[in-house]
Amino acid sequence: MVNSNEFGRLLPLPLRRSLCENVRMPSAAFSRLHDFITTTMQMSHVYQPVMLRALIDRGGKASVSEIALALLAEDRAQLDYYREITKRMPGAVLRRRGIVDYDGNAYSISDFDEMTAAERHELIALCHVKFDEFLEKRADPWSHRRKSAGYVSGTLRYEVLKRAVFRCELCGVSAEDRALEVDHIVPRNLGGFDDLTNFQALCYSCNAMKRDSDTTDFRGMAARYRERSDGCIFCNIGRSLIMAENELMVAIKDTYPVTDGHSLLVPRRHVASPNALFQPEVNAMWSLSASVREVLSAADNTIIGFNFGSNDGVSAGQTVMHAHFHIIPRRAGDVERPRGGVRGVIPERQEY
């Protein structure tokens, strides 16, 4: 058997020279990228390989927009969004007008094969004209998706979606049925802040409709959050008394605790009734409540339950007319008959 070296020596000299000229060492760029992709690349998402692929496909250089389009093409959530848009909007209208047919999976134009190439080009040109005419009247038809203008971190998006538990926070539809979008409650340009409490998860339908149907006047909303009352003890809580806080709520120890660890959640804004809280404040309250419960439980393993509630109005026992929520740790045996819990506000109705 002739080995490869011997075979090479048997070839005519011109052929050997030709083969050597056509065999070259890998380029430095190839080696560098090949090594990075196969041995070094660590991924938390698909972004790196998609970006490199876009750069290579475009001759080694691509604009930010070109790379963004490549990423968008791989975004299945966006694909789902526009799949639903297709069926609910242009698809539904064009079917109703008898322009297209739909077989449950694909749309088609009847008798399409009868058109000449020139006719097709003319129709495409007309569609471009209609598109451009619309943009002259409304420069940004996707403005409803820019209410959260600016970057929202993936970590923050994750927390908002986790809190929503896979459903739209407005209509309740499952994310299996409609893609969810993360959006500010109070937009940035109207004083909204980038805190978890000011974000919500809305399905694409509710988020799109919000622009046209939400009549809330947000002018001056940022100032509303700073409302305080000079004579209110909860508007003037000293820093030393605060055990936990976030942007809209503070937690303090109750001055007259019913159990050890009894705490209060107090909105920073002066508001009498918990029913008058803004949604970001409600979000902030539940978020801080979870933190306080965790701290209390970690500090005392005898705590095995909590009562959580608020007195809303004088007849309900409210004495400080600034909304606040009680977190009352409970322990085994702290009362003889705990059954009924907060029903004890009417003692004879507690047990049932």
Protein backbone atom coordinates (compact mmCIF):
# COMPACT_ATOMS: atom_id res chain seq x y z
CA MET A 1 0.00 0.00 0.00
CA VAL A 2 1.33 3.45 -0.91
CA ASN A 3 1.12 6.01 1.92
CA SER A 4 0.19 9.62 1.33
CA ASN A 5 3.78 10.87 1.32
CA GLU A 6 4.85 8.29 -1.24
CA PHE A 7 1.77 9.07 -3.33
CA GLY A 8 2.71 12.72 -3.33
CA ARG A 9 6.23 11.97 -4.54
CA LEU A 10 4.81 9.88 -7.41
CA LEU A 11 2.84 12.89 -8.75
CA PRO A 12 4.35 14.99 -11.53
CA LEU A 13 6.18 18.06 -10.25
CA PRO A 14 3.77 20.63 -11.83
CA LEU A 15 0.79 18.88 -10.23
CA ARG A 16 2.53 18.76 -6.86
CA ARG A 17 3.25 22.51 -7.09
CA SER A 18 -0.39 23.20 -8.00
CA LEU A 19 -1.69 21.23 -5.02
CA CYS A 20 0.65 23.02 -2.64
CA GLU A 21 -0.44 26.41 -3.93
CA ASN A 22 -4.13 25.55 -3.39
CA VAL A 23 -3.62 24.28 0.16
CA ARG A 24 -3.29 27.19 2.60
CA MET A 25 -3.22 27.57 6.35
CA PRO A 26 -6.42 28.84 8.01
CA SER A 27 -6.59 32.64 8.21
CA ALA A 28 -5.93 34.38 11.51
CA ALA A 29 -9.52 35.69 11.59
CA PHE A 30 -10.94 32.21 11.00
CA SER A 31 -8.75 30.65 13.68
CA ARG A 32 -9.61 33.36 16.19
CA LEU A 33 -13.38 33.08 15.59
CA HIS A 34 -13.36 29.28 15.33
CA ASP A 35 -11.55 29.00 18.66
CA PHE A 36 -13.88 31.50 20.33
CA ILE A 37 -17.09 29.84 19.06
CA THR A 38 -16.02 26.26 19.79
CA THR A 39 -14.14 26.64 23.08
CA THR A 40 -14.66 30.06 24.68
CA MET A 41 -18.17 31.33 23.93
CA GLN A 42 -20.43 31.33 26.99
CA MET A 43 -24.07 32.11 26.33
CA SER A 44 -26.97 33.37 28.40
CA HIS A 45 -28.99 33.93 25.21
CA VAL A 46 -28.70 33.41 21.44
CA TYR A 47 -27.34 36.90 20.85
CA GLN A 48 -23.62 36.18 20.29
CA PRO A 49 -23.88 33.52 17.54
CA VAL A 50 -26.65 35.45 15.78
CA MET A 51 -24.57 38.64 15.81
CA LEU A 52 -21.46 36.87 14.51
CA ARG A 53 -23.49 35.16 11.82
CA ALA A 54 -24.94 38.53 10.74
CA LEU A 55 -21.45 40.05 10.57
CA ILE A 56 -20.05 37.17 8.53
CA ASP A 57 -23.06 37.10 6.18
CA ARG A 58 -22.54 40.83 5.48
CA GLY A 59 -18.86 40.68 4.68
CA GLY A 60 -17.52 41.30 8.18
CA LYS A 61 -19.36 44.53 8.93
CA ALA A 62 -22.98 45.22 9.85
CA SER A 63 -24.85 48.17 11.29
CA VAL A 64 -26.57 48.02 14.65
CA SER A 65 -29.91 47.97 12.83
CA GLU A 66 -28.84 45.04 10.65
CA ILE A 67 -27.75 43.07 13.70
CA ALA A 68 -30.98 44.00 15.49
CA LEU A 69 -32.98 42.70 12.50
CA ALA A 70 -31.05 39.43 12.65
CA LEU A 71 -31.88 39.10 16.35
CA LEU A 72 -35.51 40.02 15.71
CA ALA A 73 -35.75 37.24 13.11
CA GLU A 74 -34.86 34.73 15.84
CA ASP A 75 -37.16 36.20 18.51
CA ARG A 76 -39.97 33.67 18.79
CA ALA A 77 -41.96 35.87 21.14
CA GLN A 78 -42.00 38.61 18.50
CA LEU A 79 -42.84 36.01 15.86
CA ASP A 80 -45.79 34.89 17.98
CA TYR A 81 -46.83 38.53 18.41
CA TYR A 82 -46.91 39.20 14.67
CA ARG A 83 -48.47 35.83 13.95
CA GLU A 84 -51.43 36.91 16.10
CA ILE A 85 -51.41 40.39 14.55
CA THR A 86 -51.55 38.79 11.09
CA LYS A 87 -54.59 36.67 11.93
CA ARG A 88 -56.51 39.28 13.94
CA MET A 89 -55.86 42.38 11.86
CA PRO A 90 -54.83 42.35 8.17
CA GLY A 91 -55.71 38.69 7.72
CA ALA A 92 -59.21 39.12 9.12
CA VAL A 93 -59.88 42.31 7.10
CA LEU A 94 -58.58 40.94 3.80
CA ARG A 95 -60.53 37.70 4.23
CA ARG A 96 -63.72 39.61 5.00
CA ARG A 97 -63.23 41.69 1.84
CA GLY A 98 -62.68 38.56 -0.25
CA ILE A 99 -59.10 39.54 -1.12
CA VAL A 100 -57.34 36.51 0.39
CA ASP A 101 -58.18 32.94 1.33
CA TYR A 102 -57.05 31.13 4.49
CA ASP A 103 -56.72 27.38 5.01
CA GLY A 104 -55.93 27.44 8.73
CA ASN A 105 -52.21 27.77 8.20
CA ALA A 106 -51.45 29.91 5.14
CA TYR A 107 -53.02 32.79 3.24
CA SER A 108 -53.29 32.87 -0.54
CA ILE A 109 -54.48 35.13 -3.34
CA SER A 110 -56.97 33.49 -5.69
CA ASP A 111 -55.92 33.21 -9.35
CA PHE A 112 -52.50 34.59 -8.49
CA ASP A 113 -50.85 32.60 -11.32
CA GLU A 114 -52.92 34.49 -13.90
CA MET A 115 -51.08 37.75 -13.17
CA THR A 116 -48.12 38.77 -15.27
CA ALA A 117 -44.79 39.76 -13.73
CA ALA A 118 -45.46 43.36 -14.72
CA GLU A 119 -48.84 43.31 -12.95
CA ARG A 120 -47.24 41.93 -9.79
CA HIS A 121 -44.55 44.61 -9.82
CA GLU A 122 -47.18 47.31 -10.25
CA LEU A 123 -49.21 46.00 -7.29
CA ILE A 124 -46.09 45.86 -5.10
CA ALA A 125 -45.31 49.46 -6.08
CA LEU A 126 -48.85 50.51 -5.13
CA CYS A 127 -48.43 48.84 -1.72
CA HIS A 128 -45.24 50.84 -1.20
CA VAL A 129 -47.13 54.02 -2.08
CA LYS A 130 -49.87 53.23 0.45
CA PHE A 131 -47.25 52.46 3.09
CA ASP A 132 -45.41 55.74 2.48
CA GLU A 133 -48.65 57.75 2.45
CA PHE A 134 -49.56 56.35 5.85
CA LEU A 135 -46.14 57.18 7.30
CA GLU A 136 -46.52 60.76 6.11
CA LYS A 137 -49.64 61.05 8.28
CA ARG A 138 -48.34 59.01 11.19
CA ALA A 139 -44.57 58.78 11.27
CA ASP A 140 -44.39 56.03 13.89
CA PRO A 141 -47.25 53.50 13.65
CA TRP A 142 -45.55 51.43 16.34
CA SER A 143 -45.56 54.22 18.92
CA HIS A 144 -47.83 52.22 21.24
CA ARG A 145 -44.88 49.88 21.72
CA ARG A 146 -42.56 52.73 22.66
CA LYS A 147 -44.32 53.84 25.83
CA SER A 148 -41.46 52.33 27.81
CA ALA A 149 -38.94 54.22 25.65
CA GLY A 150 -35.44 53.18 26.63
CA TYR A 151 -33.81 49.97 27.73
CA VAL A 152 -35.46 47.72 30.32
CA SER A 153 -33.08 45.10 31.65
CA GLY A 154 -33.73 41.43 31.13
CA THR A 155 -33.61 40.89 34.89
CA LEU A 156 -36.33 43.48 35.47
CA ARG A 157 -38.46 42.03 32.67
CA TYR A 158 -38.11 38.60 34.23
CA GLU A 159 -39.26 39.87 37.63
CA VAL A 160 -42.31 41.60 36.12
CA LEU A 161 -43.31 38.51 34.15
CA LYS A 162 -42.73 36.29 37.19
CA ARG A 163 -44.97 38.50 39.30
CA ALA A 164 -47.66 38.35 36.62
CA VAL A 165 -47.56 34.54 36.82
CA PHE A 166 -47.88 34.02 33.05
CA ARG A 167 -50.97 36.23 32.61
CA CYS A 168 -51.82 39.73 31.43
CA GLU A 169 -52.27 41.96 34.48
CA LEU A 170 -55.19 43.74 32.83
CA CYS A 171 -57.38 41.18 31.07
CA GLY A 172 -55.92 38.02 32.65
CA VAL A 173 -55.32 36.19 29.35
CA SER A 174 -52.66 33.48 29.50
CA ALA A 175 -49.28 34.04 27.85
CA GLU A 176 -49.98 30.80 25.99
CA ASP A 177 -52.71 32.65 24.09
CA ARG A 178 -51.12 36.09 23.68
CA ALA A 179 -47.52 37.21 24.02
CA LEU A 180 -46.88 39.40 27.07
CA GLU A 181 -45.10 42.75 26.95
CA VAL A 182 -43.45 44.57 29.84
CA ASP A 183 -44.41 48.24 30.04
CA HIS A 184 -44.27 51.20 32.40
CA ILE A 185 -47.49 52.00 34.24
CA VAL A 186 -46.59 55.70 34.40
CA PRO A 187 -44.39 56.37 31.32
CA ARG A 188 -40.89 57.73 31.79
CA ASN A 189 -41.66 60.91 29.89
CA LEU A 190 -44.52 61.61 32.30
CA GLY A 191 -42.48 61.16 35.46
CA GLY A 192 -42.53 57.37 35.70
CA PHE A 193 -39.57 55.66 37.33
CA ASP A 194 -37.64 52.48 36.50
CA ASP A 195 -38.64 50.53 39.57
CA LEU A 196 -40.28 47.10 39.62
CA THR A 197 -43.37 48.65 41.17
CA ASN A 198 -43.93 50.86 38.09
CA PHE A 199 -43.93 48.04 35.55
CA GLN A 200 -46.73 45.77 34.42
CA ALA A 201 -47.10 42.76 32.14
CA LEU A 202 -49.74 43.32 29.47
CA CYS A 203 -50.71 41.13 26.55
CA TYR A 204 -49.97 42.68 23.17
CA SER A 205 -53.68 43.45 22.70
CA CYS A 206 -54.16 45.35 25.99
CA ASN A 207 -50.87 47.19 25.54
CA ALA A 208 -51.86 48.30 22.04
CA MET A 209 -55.34 49.40 23.13
CA LYS A 210 -53.99 51.23 26.17
CA ARG A 211 -52.79 54.09 23.98
CA ASP A 212 -56.25 54.88 22.66
CA SER A 213 -58.52 53.91 25.54
CA ASP A 214 -56.63 54.95 28.69
CA THR A 215 -57.92 58.43 29.58
CA THR A 216 -55.89 58.80 32.77
CA ASP A 217 -54.31 62.25 32.95
CA PHE A 218 -50.74 61.63 34.06
CA ARG A 219 -49.77 65.30 34.07
CA GLY A 220 -48.43 66.10 37.50
CA MET A 221 -48.49 62.44 38.52
CA ALA A 222 -44.86 62.51 39.66
CA ALA A 223 -45.74 65.36 42.03
CA ARG A 224 -48.64 63.34 43.46
CA TYR A 225 -46.20 60.77 44.80
CA ARG A 226 -44.55 63.53 46.84
CA GLU A 227 -47.75 64.59 48.61
CA ARG A 228 -47.27 64.83 52.40
CA SER A 229 -49.27 66.25 55.33
CA ASP A 230 -47.42 68.23 57.98
CA GLY A 231 -49.56 67.01 60.86
CA CYS A 232 -49.52 63.31 59.87
CA ILE A 233 -47.27 61.05 61.96
CA PHE A 234 -46.88 58.61 59.05
CA CYS A 235 -45.76 61.41 56.72
CA ASN A 236 -42.97 62.27 59.16
CA ILE A 237 -41.47 58.91 60.09
CA GLY A 238 -37.87 59.26 61.27
CA ARG A 239 -35.19 57.38 59.37
CA SER A 240 -34.20 55.47 62.51
CA LEU A 241 -37.66 53.88 62.70
CA ILE A 242 -37.65 52.45 59.17
CA MET A 243 -36.87 48.72 59.15
CA ALA A 244 -37.28 48.21 55.38
CA GLU A 245 -38.31 50.35 52.41
CA ASN A 246 -38.62 50.74 48.70
CA GLU A 247 -39.34 53.78 46.55
CA LEU A 248 -43.02 54.07 47.50
CA MET A 249 -43.40 52.26 50.84
CA VAL A 250 -41.72 52.04 54.22
CA ALA A 251 -41.99 49.38 56.89
CA ILE A 252 -41.88 50.20 60.62
CA LYS A 253 -42.56 48.43 63.90
CA ASP A 254 -46.04 48.99 65.32
CA THR A 255 -45.95 51.24 68.39
CA TYR A 256 -48.59 49.12 70.10
CA PRO A 257 -47.85 45.60 68.82
CA VAL A 258 -50.34 42.80 69.36
CA THR A 259 -47.57 40.22 68.88
CA ASP A 260 -43.80 40.42 68.83
CA GLY A 261 -42.71 41.60 65.37
CA HIS A 262 -46.02 43.33 64.53
CA SER A 263 -45.11 45.70 61.69
CA LEU A 264 -46.76 48.33 59.51
CA LEU A 265 -46.39 49.02 55.80
CA VAL A 266 -46.91 52.72 55.14
CA PRO A 267 -47.10 54.45 51.73
CA ARG A 268 -44.84 57.48 51.51
CA ARG A 269 -47.60 59.45 49.80
CA HIS A 270 -50.25 60.88 52.10
CA VAL A 271 -53.41 58.99 51.26
CA ALA A 272 -56.19 58.08 53.69
CA SER A 273 -57.67 54.94 52.21
CA PRO A 274 -55.84 51.89 50.84
CA ASN A 275 -58.40 51.93 48.02
CA ALA A 276 -56.88 55.24 46.84
CA LEU A 277 -53.43 53.77 46.30
CA PHE A 278 -52.01 53.90 42.80
CA GLN A 279 -51.18 50.55 41.21
CA PRO A 280 -47.41 51.07 41.58
CA GLU A 281 -48.00 51.63 45.31
CA VAL A 282 -50.02 48.41 45.52
CA ASN A 283 -47.17 46.60 43.79
CA ALA A 284 -44.68 48.21 46.16
CA MET A 285 -46.77 47.20 49.15
CA TRP A 286 -46.86 43.51 48.20
CA SER A 287 -43.17 43.53 47.34
CA LEU A 288 -42.22 45.07 50.70
CA SER A 289 -44.63 42.76 52.50
CA ALA A 290 -42.77 39.73 51.15
CA SER A 291 -39.45 41.21 52.29
CA VAL A 292 -40.71 41.98 55.81
CA ARG A 293 -42.26 38.54 56.21
CA GLU A 294 -39.00 36.95 55.12
CA VAL A 295 -36.96 39.01 57.60
CA LEU A 296 -39.34 38.30 60.50
CA SER A 297 -39.46 34.57 59.76
CA ALA A 298 -35.68 34.33 59.46
CA ALA A 299 -35.22 36.08 62.82
CA ASP A 300 -37.79 33.97 64.71
CA ASN A 301 -38.48 30.35 63.79
CA THR A 302 -41.50 30.26 66.14
CA ILE A 303 -43.44 32.37 63.62
CA ILE A 304 -45.66 29.98 61.64
CA GLY A 305 -48.28 32.35 60.21
CA PHE A 306 -49.30 35.95 59.61
CA ASN A 307 -52.38 38.12 59.71
CA PHE A 308 -52.28 40.82 57.08
CA GLY A 309 -54.84 43.60 56.82
CA SER A 310 -55.84 47.25 56.95
CA ASN A 311 -58.36 49.37 58.80
CA ASP A 312 -60.14 51.51 56.22
CA GLY A 313 -62.28 54.20 57.82
CA VAL A 314 -63.23 55.17 61.37
CA SER A 315 -65.97 52.54 61.58
CA ALA A 316 -63.36 49.91 60.69
CA GLY A 317 -61.10 51.07 63.51
CA GLN A 318 -58.74 53.37 61.61
CA THR A 319 -57.22 55.96 63.96
CA VAL A 320 -54.44 57.41 61.79
CA MET A 321 -55.94 58.71 58.56
CA HIS A 322 -52.97 57.67 56.48
CA ALA A 323 -53.37 54.27 54.83
CA HIS A 324 -51.26 51.53 56.38
CA PHE A 325 -51.17 47.76 56.44
CA HIS A 326 -50.58 45.52 59.43
CA ILE A 327 -48.33 42.47 59.26
CA ILE A 328 -48.94 40.48 62.44
CA PRO A 329 -46.75 37.41 63.06
CA ARG A 330 -48.56 34.45 64.58
CA ARG A 331 -47.21 31.64 66.71
CA ALA A 332 -48.66 28.37 67.91
CA GLY A 333 -50.78 28.92 71.03
CA ASP A 334 -50.66 32.75 70.99
CA VAL A 335 -54.48 32.64 71.28
CA GLU A 336 -56.67 29.81 72.48
CA ARG A 337 -58.79 29.58 69.31
CA PRO A 338 -57.16 31.16 66.24
CA ARG A 339 -59.78 29.85 63.80
CA GLY A 340 -61.35 32.71 61.81
CA GLY A 341 -58.35 35.03 62.06
CA VAL A 342 -59.27 38.53 60.89
CA ARG A 343 -62.96 37.69 61.31
CA GLY A 344 -62.25 38.54 64.95
CA VAL A 345 -62.89 42.21 64.20
CA ILE A 346 -66.47 41.16 64.99
CA PRO A 347 -65.67 38.88 67.96
CA GLU A 348 -68.91 36.91 67.99
CA ARG A 349 -68.48 36.13 64.27
CA GLN A 350 -64.84 34.97 64.42
CA GLU A 351 -65.57 31.26 64.80
CA TYR A 352 -67.63 29.54 62.14
